[in-house]
Amino acid sequence: MGSFSIWHWLIVLLIVIMVFGTKKLKNLGGDLGGAVKGFKDGMKDGSTPEDKPAAAPAAVAADKTTIDVEVKSKT
């Protein structure tokens, strides 16, 4: 009684297809696949930071519109 047979799963699949429709399920699968691919690319990019050249901090310092401020707390 604890496990489901193949017939139970087929009935559940049929109900899901009837409720959502095949087009919406196809779009959902594509979106899920794109999210997984993006996650893998993000993990790959984050694990090898030495492959990419770092942004030059001098370029930020040369910008005249940047203002350095010091925050003081109220006492």
N, C-alpha and C. Protein backbone atom coordinates (compact mmCIF):
# COMPACT_ATOMS: atom_id res chain seq x y z
N MET A 1 0.81 -1.18 0.00
CA MET A 1 0.00 0.00 0.00
C MET A 1 0.87 1.26 0.00
N GLY A 2 2.13 1.16 0.39
CA GLY A 2 3.00 2.32 0.47
C GLY A 2 3.58 2.73 -0.87
N SER A 3 3.67 1.82 -1.83
CA SER A 3 4.28 2.18 -3.12
C SER A 3 3.20 2.25 -4.20
N PHE A 4 3.49 3.07 -5.20
CA PHE A 4 2.55 3.22 -6.31
C PHE A 4 3.01 2.36 -7.49
N SER A 5 2.05 1.84 -8.22
CA SER A 5 2.38 1.05 -9.40
C SER A 5 2.50 1.99 -10.60
N ILE A 6 2.90 1.46 -11.72
CA ILE A 6 3.04 2.25 -12.94
C ILE A 6 1.70 2.83 -13.37
N TRP A 7 0.62 2.15 -13.10
CA TRP A 7 -0.71 2.62 -13.48
C TRP A 7 -1.10 3.87 -12.70
N HIS A 8 -0.71 3.93 -11.43
CA HIS A 8 -0.99 5.12 -10.64
C HIS A 8 -0.27 6.33 -11.24
N TRP A 9 1.01 6.15 -11.60
CA TRP A 9 1.79 7.25 -12.16
C TRP A 9 1.27 7.68 -13.53
N LEU A 10 0.81 6.74 -14.33
CA LEU A 10 0.23 7.09 -15.63
C LEU A 10 -1.05 7.90 -15.48
N ILE A 11 -1.86 7.55 -14.51
CA ILE A 11 -3.10 8.30 -14.26
C ILE A 11 -2.77 9.71 -13.78
N VAL A 12 -1.79 9.85 -12.90
CA VAL A 12 -1.38 11.17 -12.42
C VAL A 12 -0.85 12.00 -13.59
N LEU A 13 -0.03 11.38 -14.46
CA LEU A 13 0.50 12.08 -15.62
C LEU A 13 -0.63 12.53 -16.55
N LEU A 14 -1.60 11.69 -16.78
CA LEU A 14 -2.74 12.03 -17.63
C LEU A 14 -3.53 13.21 -17.05
N ILE A 15 -3.73 13.22 -15.75
CA ILE A 15 -4.46 14.33 -15.11
C ILE A 15 -3.67 15.63 -15.22
N VAL A 16 -2.36 15.56 -15.02
CA VAL A 16 -1.52 16.76 -15.14
C VAL A 16 -1.57 17.31 -16.55
N ILE A 17 -1.51 16.44 -17.55
CA ILE A 17 -1.59 16.88 -18.94
C ILE A 17 -2.94 17.49 -19.24
N MET A 18 -4.00 16.91 -18.69
CA MET A 18 -5.33 17.46 -18.93
C MET A 18 -5.51 18.83 -18.26
N VAL A 19 -4.91 19.01 -17.10
CA VAL A 19 -5.08 20.27 -16.38
C VAL A 19 -4.25 21.39 -17.02
N PHE A 20 -2.97 21.12 -17.29
CA PHE A 20 -2.07 22.16 -17.78
C PHE A 20 -1.98 22.23 -19.30
N GLY A 21 -2.18 21.15 -19.98
CA GLY A 21 -2.04 21.13 -21.43
C GLY A 21 -0.59 20.89 -21.83
N THR A 22 -0.40 20.37 -23.03
CA THR A 22 0.95 20.00 -23.47
C THR A 22 1.79 21.22 -23.78
N LYS A 23 1.19 22.29 -24.30
CA LYS A 23 1.98 23.48 -24.64
C LYS A 23 2.55 24.14 -23.40
N LYS A 24 1.74 24.26 -22.36
CA LYS A 24 2.22 24.89 -21.13
C LYS A 24 3.29 24.02 -20.47
N LEU A 25 3.13 22.71 -20.52
CA LEU A 25 4.14 21.82 -19.94
C LEU A 25 5.45 21.90 -20.73
N LYS A 26 5.34 22.04 -22.06
CA LYS A 26 6.54 22.18 -22.89
C LYS A 26 7.27 23.47 -22.55
N ASN A 27 6.52 24.55 -22.40
CA ASN A 27 7.14 25.84 -22.03
C ASN A 27 7.77 25.76 -20.64
N LEU A 28 7.11 25.09 -19.73
CA LEU A 28 7.64 24.94 -18.38
C LEU A 28 8.94 24.15 -18.40
N GLY A 29 8.98 23.10 -19.21
CA GLY A 29 10.21 22.31 -19.33
C GLY A 29 11.35 23.10 -19.93
N GLY A 30 11.04 23.93 -20.94
CA GLY A 30 12.07 24.77 -21.54
C GLY A 30 12.59 25.82 -20.57
N ASP A 31 11.69 26.41 -19.80
CA ASP A 31 12.10 27.40 -18.81
C ASP A 31 12.96 26.77 -17.71
N LEU A 32 12.58 25.57 -17.30
CA LEU A 32 13.35 24.87 -16.27
C LEU A 32 14.74 24.51 -16.80
N GLY A 33 14.80 24.06 -18.04
CA GLY A 33 16.10 23.73 -18.64
C GLY A 33 16.98 24.96 -18.78
N GLY A 34 16.40 26.09 -19.16
CA GLY A 34 17.16 27.33 -19.27
C GLY A 34 17.68 27.80 -17.92
N ALA A 35 16.86 27.61 -16.88
CA ALA A 35 17.29 28.01 -15.54
C ALA A 35 18.44 27.14 -15.05
N VAL A 36 18.38 25.84 -15.33
CA VAL A 36 19.45 24.94 -14.92
C VAL A 36 20.73 25.28 -15.68
N LYS A 37 20.61 25.59 -16.97
CA LYS A 37 21.78 25.95 -17.78
C LYS A 37 22.40 27.24 -17.26
N GLY A 38 21.56 28.23 -16.95
CA GLY A 38 22.06 29.48 -16.39
C GLY A 38 22.74 29.29 -15.05
N PHE A 39 22.19 28.41 -14.22
CA PHE A 39 22.80 28.12 -12.93
C PHE A 39 24.16 27.47 -13.11
N LYS A 40 24.25 26.52 -14.04
CA LYS A 40 25.54 25.85 -14.29
C LYS A 40 26.57 26.83 -14.81
N ASP A 41 26.16 27.73 -15.72
CA ASP A 41 27.08 28.74 -16.25
C ASP A 41 27.53 29.68 -15.14
N GLY A 42 26.62 30.04 -14.27
CA GLY A 42 26.97 30.91 -13.14
C GLY A 42 27.94 30.25 -12.19
N MET A 43 27.74 28.98 -11.95
CA MET A 43 28.66 28.25 -11.07
C MET A 43 30.03 28.12 -11.73
N LYS A 44 30.04 27.91 -13.03
CA LYS A 44 31.30 27.78 -13.76
C LYS A 44 32.04 29.12 -13.75
N ASP A 45 31.33 30.22 -13.95
CA ASP A 45 31.95 31.54 -13.95
C ASP A 45 32.48 31.90 -12.57
N GLY A 46 31.78 31.53 -11.54
CA GLY A 46 32.19 31.87 -10.18
C GLY A 46 33.36 31.05 -9.68
N SER A 47 33.58 29.87 -10.24
CA SER A 47 34.64 29.01 -9.72
C SER A 47 36.00 29.32 -10.31
N THR A 48 36.08 30.06 -11.44
CA THR A 48 37.36 30.36 -12.06
C THR A 48 37.51 31.86 -12.27
N PRO A 49 37.69 32.64 -11.21
CA PRO A 49 37.81 34.08 -11.40
C PRO A 49 39.14 34.50 -12.01
N GLU A 50 40.20 33.65 -11.95
CA GLU A 50 41.49 34.02 -12.48
C GLU A 50 41.53 33.97 -14.00
N ASP A 51 40.56 33.33 -14.64
CA ASP A 51 40.52 33.26 -16.09
C ASP A 51 40.12 34.61 -16.70
N LYS A 52 39.29 35.35 -16.01
CA LYS A 52 38.82 36.63 -16.52
C LYS A 52 39.71 37.75 -15.99
N PRO A 53 40.00 38.75 -16.82
CA PRO A 53 40.78 39.87 -16.32
C PRO A 53 39.96 40.71 -15.35
N ALA A 54 40.59 41.14 -14.29
CA ALA A 54 39.90 41.92 -13.27
C ALA A 54 39.74 43.36 -13.76
N ALA A 55 38.70 44.00 -13.27
CA ALA A 55 38.47 45.40 -13.63
C ALA A 55 39.56 46.25 -13.00
N ALA A 56 40.04 47.21 -13.74
CA ALA A 56 41.13 48.06 -13.26
C ALA A 56 40.59 49.05 -12.23
N PRO A 57 41.11 49.04 -11.01
CA PRO A 57 40.64 49.99 -10.01
C PRO A 57 41.05 51.42 -10.35
N ALA A 58 42.09 51.61 -11.16
CA ALA A 58 42.52 52.95 -11.53
C ALA A 58 41.46 53.65 -12.37
N ALA A 59 40.70 52.90 -13.15
CA ALA A 59 39.66 53.50 -13.97
C ALA A 59 38.57 54.10 -13.09
N VAL A 60 38.29 53.48 -11.97
CA VAL A 60 37.28 54.01 -11.06
C VAL A 60 37.83 55.24 -10.35
N ALA A 61 39.11 55.22 -9.98
CA ALA A 61 39.70 56.34 -9.27
C ALA A 61 39.83 57.56 -10.19
N ALA A 62 39.99 57.36 -11.50
CA ALA A 62 40.13 58.47 -12.43
C ALA A 62 38.81 59.17 -12.68
N ASP A 63 37.69 58.54 -12.33
CA ASP A 63 36.38 59.14 -12.52
C ASP A 63 36.20 60.28 -11.53
N LYS A 64 35.94 61.49 -12.02
CA LYS A 64 35.84 62.67 -11.16
C LYS A 64 34.48 62.80 -10.49
N THR A 65 33.50 61.97 -10.87
CA THR A 65 32.17 62.10 -10.28
C THR A 65 32.02 61.26 -9.02
N THR A 66 33.01 60.47 -8.68
CA THR A 66 32.94 59.63 -7.49
C THR A 66 33.30 60.45 -6.26
N ILE A 67 32.50 60.35 -5.22
CA ILE A 67 32.74 61.09 -3.97
C ILE A 67 32.93 60.07 -2.86
N ASP A 68 34.03 60.18 -2.15
CA ASP A 68 34.28 59.32 -0.99
C ASP A 68 33.68 59.98 0.24
N VAL A 69 32.93 59.22 1.02
CA VAL A 69 32.32 59.73 2.22
C VAL A 69 32.62 58.81 3.38
N GLU A 70 32.63 59.38 4.55
CA GLU A 70 32.82 58.60 5.76
C GLU A 70 31.56 58.71 6.59
N VAL A 71 31.02 57.57 6.98
CA VAL A 71 29.77 57.55 7.73
C VAL A 71 30.09 57.55 9.22
N LYS A 72 29.46 58.46 9.92
CA LYS A 72 29.63 58.55 11.38
C LYS A 72 28.30 58.21 12.02
N SER A 73 28.35 57.45 13.06
CA SER A 73 27.11 57.08 13.76
C SER A 73 26.74 58.14 14.79
N LYS A 74 25.45 58.27 15.02
CA LYS A 74 24.98 59.23 16.02
C LYS A 74 25.21 58.67 17.42
N THR A 75 25.59 59.52 18.31
CA THR A 75 25.81 59.05 19.70
C THR A 75 24.81 59.64 20.64
